[in-house]
Amino acid sequence: MRFQLDAPLRCAPLKRGVRRIDMDPETRRKLKKAGKAEIERQSSELHAQLEESNPADIGDPQWAANYREVTLKEKEYKKNRSRVYPASEVGVELLLNPVNIDWSRGYLPVQGYYLQCKSCGDLVPMNPVVKLTCSCEAIAISSNIGEISFEPHMVVATKLIAKASHGQTKQKKWWQFW
């Protein structure tokens, strides 16, 4: 999301060489309101993904087992440098948490991040130890020899969120406890 300012910005010097951006109060309110709305949107999306990742209630004994399972899977996803995850696992075994990356700086691989191909949907780790490609070969990465081939508009950088294999346990009725 880009914000466009209606009024020109002025920089006023502060103590110790720090500069402050001055703007009119109306523009400041607009930017603050837009920023808060964006943070709220991102938070609600992440909350929904985490709820889908571990659907059991926190008081349910299954929640702890799911949490343990999800944590172990996510550690595996972060350590992975040699496996491409097919598009068929998205939504079943794992969820996607997109990350904004500025491609103008070049390719900076991040351990635990993946590139999702917009054509085939496969997930390729950003920092592989061997040459990896997606199934349609739109993404080809071999970071140990510096061979990187993909179009930035055809990929989405993402982190993976693991899904628990068990949902919420069935709640007992009050009369079933005796």
C-alpha atoms as a PDB file:
ATOM      1  CA  MET A   1       0.000   0.000   0.000  1.00  0.00           C
ATOM      2  CA  ARG A   2       1.429   3.373  -0.989  1.00  0.00           C
ATOM      3  CA  PHE A   3       0.571   6.623   0.705  1.00  0.00           C
ATOM      4  CA  GLN A   4       0.485   9.858  -1.222  1.00  0.00           C
ATOM      5  CA  LEU A   5       1.051  13.104   0.611  1.00  0.00           C
ATOM      6  CA  ASP A   6      -0.974  16.150  -0.333  1.00  0.00           C
ATOM      7  CA  ALA A   7       1.366  18.665   1.327  1.00  0.00           C
ATOM      8  CA  PRO A   8       5.124  18.934   0.852  1.00  0.00           C
ATOM      9  CA  LEU A   9       7.295  17.618   3.665  1.00  0.00           C
ATOM     10  CA  ARG A  10       9.716  19.818   5.538  1.00  0.00           C
ATOM     11  CA  CYS A  11      12.588  18.544   7.657  1.00  0.00           C
ATOM     12  CA  ALA A  12      13.383  20.353  10.866  1.00  0.00           C
ATOM     13  CA  PRO A  13      16.686  19.705  12.655  1.00  0.00           C
ATOM     14  CA  LEU A  14      16.508  18.190  16.137  1.00  0.00           C
ATOM     15  CA  LYS A  15      19.157  17.641  18.762  1.00  0.00           C
ATOM     16  CA  ARG A  16      22.238  15.579  17.910  1.00  0.00           C
ATOM     17  CA  GLY A  17      21.747  15.570  14.152  1.00  0.00           C
ATOM     18  CA  VAL A  18      18.337  13.810  14.134  1.00  0.00           C
ATOM     19  CA  ARG A  19      15.888  15.204  11.617  1.00  0.00           C
ATOM     20  CA  ARG A  20      12.123  15.299  12.014  1.00  0.00           C
ATOM     21  CA  ILE A  21       9.566  15.446   9.221  1.00  0.00           C
ATOM     22  CA  ASP A  22       7.058  18.259   9.656  1.00  0.00           C
ATOM     23  CA  MET A  23       3.650  18.002   8.034  1.00  0.00           C
ATOM     24  CA  ASP A  24       0.300  19.568   8.556  1.00  0.00           C
ATOM     25  CA  PRO A  25      -1.935  17.968  11.230  1.00  0.00           C
ATOM     26  CA  GLU A  26      -4.555  16.758   8.732  1.00  0.00           C
ATOM     27  CA  THR A  27      -1.994  14.813   6.687  1.00  0.00           C
ATOM     28  CA  ARG A  28      -0.504  13.369   9.867  1.00  0.00           C
ATOM     29  CA  ARG A  29      -3.975  12.191  11.005  1.00  0.00           C
ATOM     30  CA  LYS A  30      -4.659  10.611   7.604  1.00  0.00           C
ATOM     31  CA  LEU A  31      -1.349   8.746   7.602  1.00  0.00           C
ATOM     32  CA  LYS A  32      -1.773   7.614  11.200  1.00  0.00           C
ATOM     33  CA  LYS A  33      -5.317   6.379  10.507  1.00  0.00           C
ATOM     34  CA  ALA A  34      -4.228   4.557   7.345  1.00  0.00           C
ATOM     35  CA  GLY A  35      -1.267   2.993   9.171  1.00  0.00           C
ATOM     36  CA  LYS A  36      -3.444   1.790  12.036  1.00  0.00           C
ATOM     37  CA  ALA A  37      -5.957   0.296   9.573  1.00  0.00           C
ATOM     38  CA  GLU A  38      -3.156  -1.563   7.744  1.00  0.00           C
ATOM     39  CA  ILE A  39      -1.726  -2.928  11.018  1.00  0.00           C
ATOM     40  CA  GLU A  40      -5.199  -4.068  12.097  1.00  0.00           C
ATOM     41  CA  ARG A  41      -5.777  -5.796   8.743  1.00  0.00           C
ATOM     42  CA  GLN A  42      -2.434  -7.611   8.906  1.00  0.00           C
ATOM     43  CA  SER A  43      -3.017  -8.630  12.528  1.00  0.00           C
ATOM     44  CA  SER A  44      -6.458 -10.045  11.791  1.00  0.00           C
ATOM     45  CA  GLU A  45      -5.102 -12.018   8.791  1.00  0.00           C
ATOM     46  CA  LEU A  46      -2.292 -13.488  10.897  1.00  0.00           C
ATOM     47  CA  HIS A  47      -4.695 -14.282  13.745  1.00  0.00           C
ATOM     48  CA  ALA A  48      -6.989 -16.142  11.318  1.00  0.00           C
ATOM     49  CA  GLN A  49      -4.017 -18.124   9.952  1.00  0.00           C
ATOM     50  CA  LEU A  50      -2.831 -19.068  13.438  1.00  0.00           C
ATOM     51  CA  GLU A  51      -6.382 -20.074  14.374  1.00  0.00           C
ATOM     52  CA  GLU A  52      -6.500 -22.307  11.294  1.00  0.00           C
ATOM     53  CA  SER A  53      -3.053 -23.690  12.133  1.00  0.00           C
ATOM     54  CA  ASN A  54      -4.156 -24.874  15.599  1.00  0.00           C
ATOM     55  CA  PRO A  55      -7.975 -24.999  15.714  1.00  0.00           C
ATOM     56  CA  ALA A  56      -8.254 -26.430  19.257  1.00  0.00           C
ATOM     57  CA  ASP A  57      -9.279 -24.142  22.102  1.00  0.00           C
ATOM     58  CA  ILE A  58      -6.461 -23.109  24.425  1.00  0.00           C
ATOM     59  CA  GLY A  59      -8.046 -24.952  27.373  1.00  0.00           C
ATOM     60  CA  ASP A  60      -8.355 -28.156  25.349  1.00  0.00           C
ATOM     61  CA  PRO A  61      -5.609 -30.776  25.969  1.00  0.00           C
ATOM     62  CA  GLN A  62      -5.331 -31.204  22.195  1.00  0.00           C
ATOM     63  CA  TRP A  63      -4.112 -27.598  21.894  1.00  0.00           C
ATOM     64  CA  ALA A  64      -0.782 -28.404  23.588  1.00  0.00           C
ATOM     65  CA  ALA A  65      -0.234 -31.463  21.386  1.00  0.00           C
ATOM     66  CA  ASN A  66      -1.065 -29.410  18.279  1.00  0.00           C
ATOM     67  CA  TYR A  67       1.252 -26.611  19.417  1.00  0.00           C
ATOM     68  CA  ARG A  68       4.127 -29.065  19.853  1.00  0.00           C
ATOM     69  CA  GLU A  69       3.467 -30.602  16.438  1.00  0.00           C
ATOM     70  CA  VAL A  70       3.206 -27.206  14.704  1.00  0.00           C
ATOM     71  CA  THR A  71       6.401 -25.947  16.363  1.00  0.00           C
ATOM     72  CA  LEU A  72       8.389 -28.999  15.241  1.00  0.00           C
ATOM     73  CA  LYS A  73       7.062 -28.710  11.674  1.00  0.00           C
ATOM     74  CA  GLU A  74       7.915 -25.008  11.508  1.00  0.00           C
ATOM     75  CA  LYS A  75      11.466 -25.701  12.710  1.00  0.00           C
ATOM     76  CA  GLU A  76      11.764 -28.209   9.878  1.00  0.00           C
ATOM     77  CA  TYR A  77      10.453 -25.632   7.370  1.00  0.00           C
ATOM     78  CA  LYS A  78      12.998 -23.064   8.575  1.00  0.00           C
ATOM     79  CA  LYS A  79      15.902 -25.530   8.359  1.00  0.00           C
ATOM     80  CA  ASN A  80      14.881 -26.880   4.946  1.00  0.00           C
ATOM     81  CA  ARG A  81      17.355 -26.035   2.200  1.00  0.00           C
ATOM     82  CA  SER A  82      16.948 -29.016  -0.122  1.00  0.00           C
ATOM     83  CA  ARG A  83      13.227 -29.671  -0.670  1.00  0.00           C
ATOM     84  CA  VAL A  84      10.621 -27.970  -2.843  1.00  0.00           C
ATOM     85  CA  TYR A  85       7.121 -28.109  -1.381  1.00  0.00           C
ATOM     86  CA  PRO A  86       4.461 -28.764  -4.043  1.00  0.00           C
ATOM     87  CA  ALA A  87       1.397 -26.562  -4.393  1.00  0.00           C
ATOM     88  CA  SER A  88      -0.787 -29.485  -3.270  1.00  0.00           C
ATOM     89  CA  GLU A  89       0.517 -29.095   0.318  1.00  0.00           C
ATOM     90  CA  VAL A  90      -0.566 -25.442   0.579  1.00  0.00           C
ATOM     91  CA  GLY A  91      -3.706 -25.252   2.695  1.00  0.00           C
ATOM     92  CA  VAL A  92      -3.450 -28.938   3.686  1.00  0.00           C
ATOM     93  CA  GLU A  93      -0.071 -29.265   5.430  1.00  0.00           C
ATOM     94  CA  LEU A  94       0.973 -25.624   5.596  1.00  0.00           C
ATOM     95  CA  LEU A  95      -0.250 -22.048   5.318  1.00  0.00           C
ATOM     96  CA  LEU A  96       1.454 -19.076   3.706  1.00  0.00           C
ATOM     97  CA  ASN A  97       2.425 -15.824   5.395  1.00  0.00           C
ATOM     98  CA  PRO A  98       3.518 -13.450   2.573  1.00  0.00           C
ATOM     99  CA  VAL A  99       6.513 -11.182   3.192  1.00  0.00           C
ATOM    100  CA  ASN A 100       7.290  -7.920   1.389  1.00  0.00           C
ATOM    101  CA  ILE A 101      10.728  -7.945  -0.194  1.00  0.00           C
ATOM    102  CA  ASP A 102      12.335  -5.046  -2.043  1.00  0.00           C
ATOM    103  CA  TRP A 103      13.766  -6.679  -5.192  1.00  0.00           C
ATOM    104  CA  SER A 104      15.471  -3.419  -6.239  1.00  0.00           C
ATOM    105  CA  ARG A 105      18.308  -4.260  -3.825  1.00  0.00           C
ATOM    106  CA  GLY A 106      18.933  -7.518  -5.620  1.00  0.00           C
ATOM    107  CA  TYR A 107      18.478 -11.060  -4.405  1.00  0.00           C
ATOM    108  CA  LEU A 108      19.175 -11.431  -0.700  1.00  0.00           C
ATOM    109  CA  PRO A 109      18.334 -14.983   0.418  1.00  0.00           C
ATOM    110  CA  VAL A 110      16.775 -15.357   3.848  1.00  0.00           C
ATOM    111  CA  GLN A 111      16.941 -18.677   5.695  1.00  0.00           C
ATOM    112  CA  GLY A 112      13.412 -19.981   6.288  1.00  0.00           C
ATOM    113  CA  TYR A 113      11.780 -17.875   3.551  1.00  0.00           C
ATOM    114  CA  TYR A 114      10.351 -19.409   0.396  1.00  0.00           C
ATOM    115  CA  LEU A 115       9.510 -18.196  -3.086  1.00  0.00           C
ATOM    116  CA  GLN A 116       6.084 -19.271  -4.306  1.00  0.00           C
ATOM    117  CA  CYS A 117       5.733 -19.518  -8.061  1.00  0.00           C
ATOM    118  CA  LYS A 118       2.587 -17.795  -9.316  1.00  0.00           C
ATOM    119  CA  SER A 119       2.396 -20.241 -12.254  1.00  0.00           C
ATOM    120  CA  CYS A 120       2.565 -23.652 -10.566  1.00  0.00           C
ATOM    121  CA  GLY A 121       2.284 -22.681  -6.881  1.00  0.00           C
ATOM    122  CA  ASP A 122       5.382 -24.613  -5.734  1.00  0.00           C
ATOM    123  CA  LEU A 123       7.444 -23.303  -2.816  1.00  0.00           C
ATOM    124  CA  VAL A 124      11.216 -23.091  -3.329  1.00  0.00           C
ATOM    125  CA  PRO A 125      13.512 -22.205  -0.406  1.00  0.00           C
ATOM    126  CA  MET A 126      15.364 -18.915  -0.904  1.00  0.00           C
ATOM    127  CA  ASN A 127      18.697 -20.294   0.328  1.00  0.00           C
ATOM    128  CA  PRO A 128      19.067 -23.865  -1.010  1.00  0.00           C
ATOM    129  CA  VAL A 129      22.232 -25.967  -0.755  1.00  0.00           C
ATOM    130  CA  VAL A 130      21.561 -27.700  -4.087  1.00  0.00           C
ATOM    131  CA  LYS A 131      19.978 -26.473  -7.292  1.00  0.00           C
ATOM    132  CA  LEU A 132      16.199 -26.391  -6.879  1.00  0.00           C
ATOM    133  CA  THR A 133      13.482 -25.537  -9.390  1.00  0.00           C
ATOM    134  CA  CYS A 134       9.718 -25.356  -9.260  1.00  0.00           C
ATOM    135  CA  SER A 135       7.751 -27.799 -11.422  1.00  0.00           C
ATOM    136  CA  CYS A 136       7.264 -25.290 -14.263  1.00  0.00           C
ATOM    137  CA  GLU A 137      10.928 -24.188 -13.954  1.00  0.00           C
ATOM    138  CA  ALA A 138      10.025 -20.503 -13.643  1.00  0.00           C
ATOM    139  CA  ILE A 139      12.151 -20.443 -10.468  1.00  0.00           C
ATOM    140  CA  ALA A 140      15.651 -21.938 -10.498  1.00  0.00           C
ATOM    141  CA  ILE A 141      17.971 -21.264  -7.561  1.00  0.00           C
ATOM    142  CA  SER A 142      21.411 -22.638  -6.808  1.00  0.00           C
ATOM    143  CA  SER A 143      22.867 -20.243  -4.275  1.00  0.00           C
ATOM    144  CA  ASN A 144      26.105 -22.194  -3.760  1.00  0.00           C
ATOM    145  CA  ILE A 145      27.194 -21.351  -7.332  1.00  0.00           C
ATOM    146  CA  GLY A 146      25.244 -18.087  -7.530  1.00  0.00           C
ATOM    147  CA  GLU A 147      22.772 -19.205 -10.200  1.00  0.00           C
ATOM    148  CA  ILE A 148      19.414 -17.511  -9.637  1.00  0.00           C
ATOM    149  CA  SER A 149      16.694 -17.368 -12.269  1.00  0.00           C
ATOM    150  CA  PHE A 150      13.181 -15.987 -11.772  1.00  0.00           C
ATOM    151  CA  GLU A 151      11.067 -12.979 -12.633  1.00  0.00           C
ATOM    152  CA  PRO A 152      10.221 -10.920  -9.499  1.00  0.00           C
ATOM    153  CA  HIS A 153       6.637 -10.328 -10.674  1.00  0.00           C
ATOM    154  CA  MET A 154       6.121 -14.113 -10.971  1.00  0.00           C
ATOM    155  CA  VAL A 155       7.030 -14.966  -7.359  1.00  0.00           C
ATOM    156  CA  VAL A 156       5.727 -14.218  -3.876  1.00  0.00           C
ATOM    157  CA  ALA A 157       8.168 -14.317  -0.962  1.00  0.00           C
ATOM    158  CA  THR A 158       6.587 -16.084   1.985  1.00  0.00           C
ATOM    159  CA  LYS A 159       7.134 -17.720   5.351  1.00  0.00           C
ATOM    160  CA  LEU A 160       5.412 -21.005   6.121  1.00  0.00           C
ATOM    161  CA  ILE A 161       2.995 -21.693   8.962  1.00  0.00           C
ATOM    162  CA  ALA A 162       2.500 -25.371   9.779  1.00  0.00           C
ATOM    163  CA  LYS A 163      -0.963 -26.864  10.257  1.00  0.00           C
ATOM    164  CA  ALA A 164      -1.772 -29.323  13.009  1.00  0.00           C
ATOM    165  CA  SER A 165      -2.991 -32.719  11.838  1.00  0.00           C
ATOM    166  CA  HIS A 166      -5.662 -32.908  14.575  1.00  0.00           C
ATOM    167  CA  GLY A 167      -8.449 -30.442  15.093  1.00  0.00           C
ATOM    168  CA  GLN A 168     -10.403 -29.659  18.208  1.00  0.00           C
ATOM    169  CA  THR A 169     -11.435 -32.573  20.413  1.00  0.00           C
ATOM    170  CA  LYS A 170     -15.138 -33.155  20.801  1.00  0.00           C
ATOM    171  CA  GLN A 171     -16.477 -31.376  23.867  1.00  0.00           C
ATOM    172  CA  LYS A 172     -18.235 -33.598  26.379  1.00  0.00           C
ATOM    173  CA  LYS A 173     -21.659 -32.610  27.611  1.00  0.00           C
ATOM    174  CA  TRP A 174     -21.893 -31.791  31.297  1.00  0.00           C
ATOM    175  CA  TRP A 175     -23.685 -35.047  32.109  1.00  0.00           C
ATOM    176  CA  GLN A 176     -20.957 -37.143  30.468  1.00  0.00           C
ATOM    177  CA  PHE A 177     -18.408 -36.279  33.163  1.00  0.00           C
ATOM    178  CA  TRP A 178     -20.020 -38.582  35.778  1.00  0.00           C
END
